[in-house]
Amino acid sequence: MDIRIGITQAPREIALEVEDDTKARDALKKSVEKALKGEVDTLWITDKKGRDIAIPAAKIAYVEIGSTDAERRIGFGD
């Protein structure tokens, strides 16, 4: 699934691809909620390539959890 994270006072957002399943989506949502509530100082996300990305919780402006690659349409569709 695609994730886009807006960072305050930064001109670009962070775009990541992570494994897509129900458990991973729920775990990600819980991690984001903890970061936005201030329960943790850093939001850690592991992307599809196994890289760990750290985002300071205080700098998160928004988080968008998108669809899977299979749902994307390229070109002319129905």
N, C-alpha and C. Protein backbone atom coordinates (compact mmCIF):
# COMPACT_ATOMS: atom_id res chain seq x y z
N MET A 1 0.84 -1.16 0.00
CA MET A 1 0.00 0.00 0.00
C MET A 1 0.89 1.23 0.00
N ASP A 2 0.36 2.31 -0.49
CA ASP A 2 1.09 3.57 -0.55
C ASP A 2 0.79 4.40 0.69
N ILE A 3 1.80 5.08 1.17
CA ILE A 3 1.64 5.98 2.31
C ILE A 3 2.28 7.30 1.94
N ARG A 4 1.58 8.39 2.21
CA ARG A 4 2.14 9.72 2.02
C ARG A 4 2.06 10.44 3.36
N ILE A 5 3.18 11.03 3.76
CA ILE A 5 3.25 11.72 5.04
C ILE A 5 3.72 13.15 4.80
N GLY A 6 2.90 14.09 5.22
CA GLY A 6 3.26 15.49 5.12
C GLY A 6 4.04 15.90 6.35
N ILE A 7 5.09 16.66 6.14
CA ILE A 7 5.95 17.12 7.23
C ILE A 7 5.83 18.64 7.31
N THR A 8 5.63 19.15 8.52
CA THR A 8 5.51 20.60 8.69
C THR A 8 6.82 21.28 8.30
N GLN A 9 6.70 22.42 7.67
CA GLN A 9 7.81 23.25 7.24
C GLN A 9 8.75 22.52 6.27
N ALA A 10 8.19 21.59 5.50
CA ALA A 10 8.96 20.89 4.47
C ALA A 10 8.17 20.99 3.17
N PRO A 11 8.83 21.31 2.07
CA PRO A 11 8.11 21.51 0.82
C PRO A 11 7.60 20.22 0.17
N ARG A 12 8.16 19.09 0.53
CA ARG A 12 7.76 17.83 -0.08
C ARG A 12 7.26 16.87 0.97
N GLU A 13 6.42 15.95 0.52
CA GLU A 13 5.93 14.92 1.43
C GLU A 13 6.79 13.67 1.29
N ILE A 14 6.68 12.79 2.24
CA ILE A 14 7.38 11.50 2.20
C ILE A 14 6.42 10.49 1.60
N ALA A 15 6.85 9.79 0.56
CA ALA A 15 6.02 8.77 -0.09
C ALA A 15 6.70 7.42 0.07
N LEU A 16 5.96 6.44 0.60
CA LEU A 16 6.50 5.11 0.86
C LEU A 16 5.57 4.04 0.33
N GLU A 17 6.12 2.87 0.05
CA GLU A 17 5.33 1.69 -0.26
C GLU A 17 5.64 0.66 0.81
N VAL A 18 4.59 0.13 1.44
CA VAL A 18 4.76 -0.88 2.48
C VAL A 18 3.93 -2.10 2.11
N GLU A 19 4.21 -3.20 2.78
CA GLU A 19 3.45 -4.43 2.56
C GLU A 19 1.98 -4.16 2.84
N ASP A 20 1.12 -4.77 2.04
CA ASP A 20 -0.31 -4.52 2.18
C ASP A 20 -1.05 -5.77 2.61
N ASP A 21 -1.46 -5.77 3.84
CA ASP A 21 -2.41 -6.75 4.35
C ASP A 21 -3.15 -6.09 5.52
N THR A 22 -4.19 -6.72 5.98
CA THR A 22 -5.03 -6.10 7.00
C THR A 22 -4.27 -5.87 8.30
N LYS A 23 -3.45 -6.83 8.70
CA LYS A 23 -2.69 -6.69 9.95
C LYS A 23 -1.69 -5.54 9.85
N ALA A 24 -1.01 -5.43 8.72
CA ALA A 24 -0.02 -4.36 8.54
C ALA A 24 -0.71 -3.00 8.53
N ARG A 25 -1.86 -2.90 7.88
CA ARG A 25 -2.61 -1.64 7.83
C ARG A 25 -3.06 -1.23 9.23
N ASP A 26 -3.59 -2.18 10.00
CA ASP A 26 -4.04 -1.87 11.36
C ASP A 26 -2.88 -1.47 12.26
N ALA A 27 -1.75 -2.17 12.14
CA ALA A 27 -0.57 -1.84 12.95
C ALA A 27 -0.05 -0.45 12.59
N LEU A 28 -0.05 -0.11 11.31
CA LEU A 28 0.41 1.21 10.89
C LEU A 28 -0.50 2.30 11.45
N LYS A 29 -1.80 2.09 11.37
CA LYS A 29 -2.75 3.07 11.91
C LYS A 29 -2.54 3.29 13.40
N LYS A 30 -2.31 2.21 14.14
CA LYS A 30 -2.07 2.33 15.58
C LYS A 30 -0.78 3.09 15.85
N SER A 31 0.26 2.83 15.07
CA SER A 31 1.53 3.53 15.24
C SER A 31 1.37 5.02 14.95
N VAL A 32 0.63 5.35 13.90
CA VAL A 32 0.39 6.75 13.55
C VAL A 32 -0.41 7.45 14.64
N GLU A 33 -1.44 6.78 15.15
CA GLU A 33 -2.24 7.36 16.22
C GLU A 33 -1.40 7.65 17.46
N LYS A 34 -0.52 6.72 17.82
CA LYS A 34 0.36 6.94 18.98
C LYS A 34 1.27 8.14 18.75
N ALA A 35 1.79 8.25 17.54
CA ALA A 35 2.68 9.38 17.23
C ALA A 35 1.92 10.70 17.29
N LEU A 36 0.70 10.73 16.75
CA LEU A 36 -0.07 11.97 16.73
C LEU A 36 -0.57 12.36 18.12
N LYS A 37 -0.77 11.37 18.99
CA LYS A 37 -1.19 11.65 20.37
C LYS A 37 -0.02 12.06 21.26
N GLY A 38 1.20 11.88 20.76
CA GLY A 38 2.38 12.22 21.54
C GLY A 38 2.86 11.11 22.45
N GLU A 39 2.35 9.90 22.25
CA GLU A 39 2.76 8.76 23.08
C GLU A 39 4.17 8.27 22.72
N VAL A 40 4.59 8.54 21.49
CA VAL A 40 5.95 8.21 21.05
C VAL A 40 6.55 9.44 20.38
N ASP A 41 7.86 9.57 20.43
CA ASP A 41 8.53 10.72 19.83
C ASP A 41 8.84 10.52 18.35
N THR A 42 8.94 9.26 17.93
CA THR A 42 9.34 8.95 16.56
C THR A 42 8.42 7.89 15.98
N LEU A 43 7.96 8.14 14.75
CA LEU A 43 7.17 7.16 14.02
C LEU A 43 8.14 6.37 13.15
N TRP A 44 8.21 5.07 13.36
CA TRP A 44 9.07 4.19 12.56
C TRP A 44 8.22 3.41 11.59
N ILE A 45 8.61 3.41 10.32
CA ILE A 45 7.91 2.66 9.28
C ILE A 45 8.95 1.88 8.48
N THR A 46 8.64 0.61 8.19
CA THR A 46 9.51 -0.22 7.36
C THR A 46 8.86 -0.35 5.99
N ASP A 47 9.60 0.02 4.94
CA ASP A 47 9.04 -0.02 3.59
C ASP A 47 9.20 -1.42 2.98
N LYS A 48 8.74 -1.58 1.73
CA LYS A 48 8.78 -2.88 1.05
C LYS A 48 10.19 -3.41 0.86
N LYS A 49 11.16 -2.52 0.77
CA LYS A 49 12.55 -2.93 0.55
C LYS A 49 13.26 -3.25 1.86
N GLY A 50 12.56 -3.12 2.99
CA GLY A 50 13.14 -3.44 4.28
C GLY A 50 13.85 -2.28 4.95
N ARG A 51 13.76 -1.09 4.37
CA ARG A 51 14.40 0.08 4.97
C ARG A 51 13.52 0.62 6.09
N ASP A 52 14.14 1.03 7.19
CA ASP A 52 13.42 1.65 8.30
C ASP A 52 13.50 3.16 8.15
N ILE A 53 12.34 3.82 8.23
CA ILE A 53 12.27 5.27 8.10
C ILE A 53 11.76 5.83 9.41
N ALA A 54 12.47 6.82 9.93
CA ALA A 54 12.08 7.48 11.19
C ALA A 54 11.56 8.87 10.88
N ILE A 55 10.41 9.20 11.45
CA ILE A 55 9.80 10.51 11.25
C ILE A 55 9.51 11.10 12.62
N PRO A 56 10.01 12.29 12.93
CA PRO A 56 9.71 12.91 14.22
C PRO A 56 8.20 13.16 14.34
N ALA A 57 7.60 12.62 15.38
CA ALA A 57 6.15 12.71 15.55
C ALA A 57 5.66 14.15 15.60
N ALA A 58 6.42 15.04 16.17
CA ALA A 58 6.01 16.43 16.31
C ALA A 58 5.97 17.16 14.96
N LYS A 59 6.60 16.62 13.93
CA LYS A 59 6.65 17.26 12.61
C LYS A 59 5.62 16.72 11.63
N ILE A 60 4.83 15.74 12.03
CA ILE A 60 3.85 15.14 11.12
C ILE A 60 2.67 16.08 10.94
N ALA A 61 2.39 16.44 9.69
CA ALA A 61 1.26 17.31 9.37
C ALA A 61 0.03 16.45 9.01
N TYR A 62 0.24 15.39 8.22
CA TYR A 62 -0.85 14.48 7.86
C TYR A 62 -0.28 13.16 7.40
N VAL A 63 -1.12 12.15 7.43
CA VAL A 63 -0.75 10.82 6.94
C VAL A 63 -1.89 10.32 6.07
N GLU A 64 -1.55 9.90 4.86
CA GLU A 64 -2.54 9.35 3.93
C GLU A 64 -2.15 7.92 3.62
N ILE A 65 -3.04 7.00 3.95
CA ILE A 65 -2.81 5.58 3.66
C ILE A 65 -3.64 5.25 2.45
N GLY A 66 -2.96 4.88 1.36
CA GLY A 66 -3.63 4.68 0.08
C GLY A 66 -3.92 3.25 -0.25
N SER A 67 -4.13 3.03 -1.53
CA SER A 67 -4.52 1.73 -2.03
C SER A 67 -3.31 0.88 -2.41
N THR A 68 -3.61 -0.34 -2.80
CA THR A 68 -2.56 -1.25 -3.24
C THR A 68 -2.20 -0.96 -4.69
N ASP A 69 -1.09 -1.48 -5.15
CA ASP A 69 -0.68 -1.34 -6.54
C ASP A 69 -1.68 -1.97 -7.50
N ALA A 70 -2.30 -3.06 -7.08
CA ALA A 70 -3.23 -3.77 -7.96
C ALA A 70 -4.45 -2.92 -8.29
N GLU A 71 -4.79 -1.97 -7.45
CA GLU A 71 -5.97 -1.14 -7.68
C GLU A 71 -5.67 0.07 -8.55
N ARG A 72 -4.42 0.33 -8.84
CA ARG A 72 -4.06 1.48 -9.68
C ARG A 72 -4.41 1.20 -11.13
N ARG A 73 -4.85 2.25 -11.81
CA ARG A 73 -5.14 2.12 -13.23
C ARG A 73 -4.21 3.06 -13.98
N ILE A 74 -3.65 2.54 -15.03
CA ILE A 74 -2.76 3.34 -15.87
C ILE A 74 -3.35 3.37 -17.27
N GLY A 75 -3.42 4.56 -17.85
CA GLY A 75 -3.94 4.68 -19.20
C GLY A 75 -5.44 4.81 -19.19
N PHE A 76 -6.03 4.41 -20.30
CA PHE A 76 -7.49 4.53 -20.45
C PHE A 76 -8.16 3.30 -19.89
N GLY A 77 -9.10 3.51 -18.99
CA GLY A 77 -9.79 2.38 -18.37
C GLY A 77 -11.29 2.48 -18.57
N ASP A 78 -11.99 1.56 -17.99
CA ASP A 78 -13.45 1.53 -18.11
C ASP A 78 -14.08 2.64 -17.32
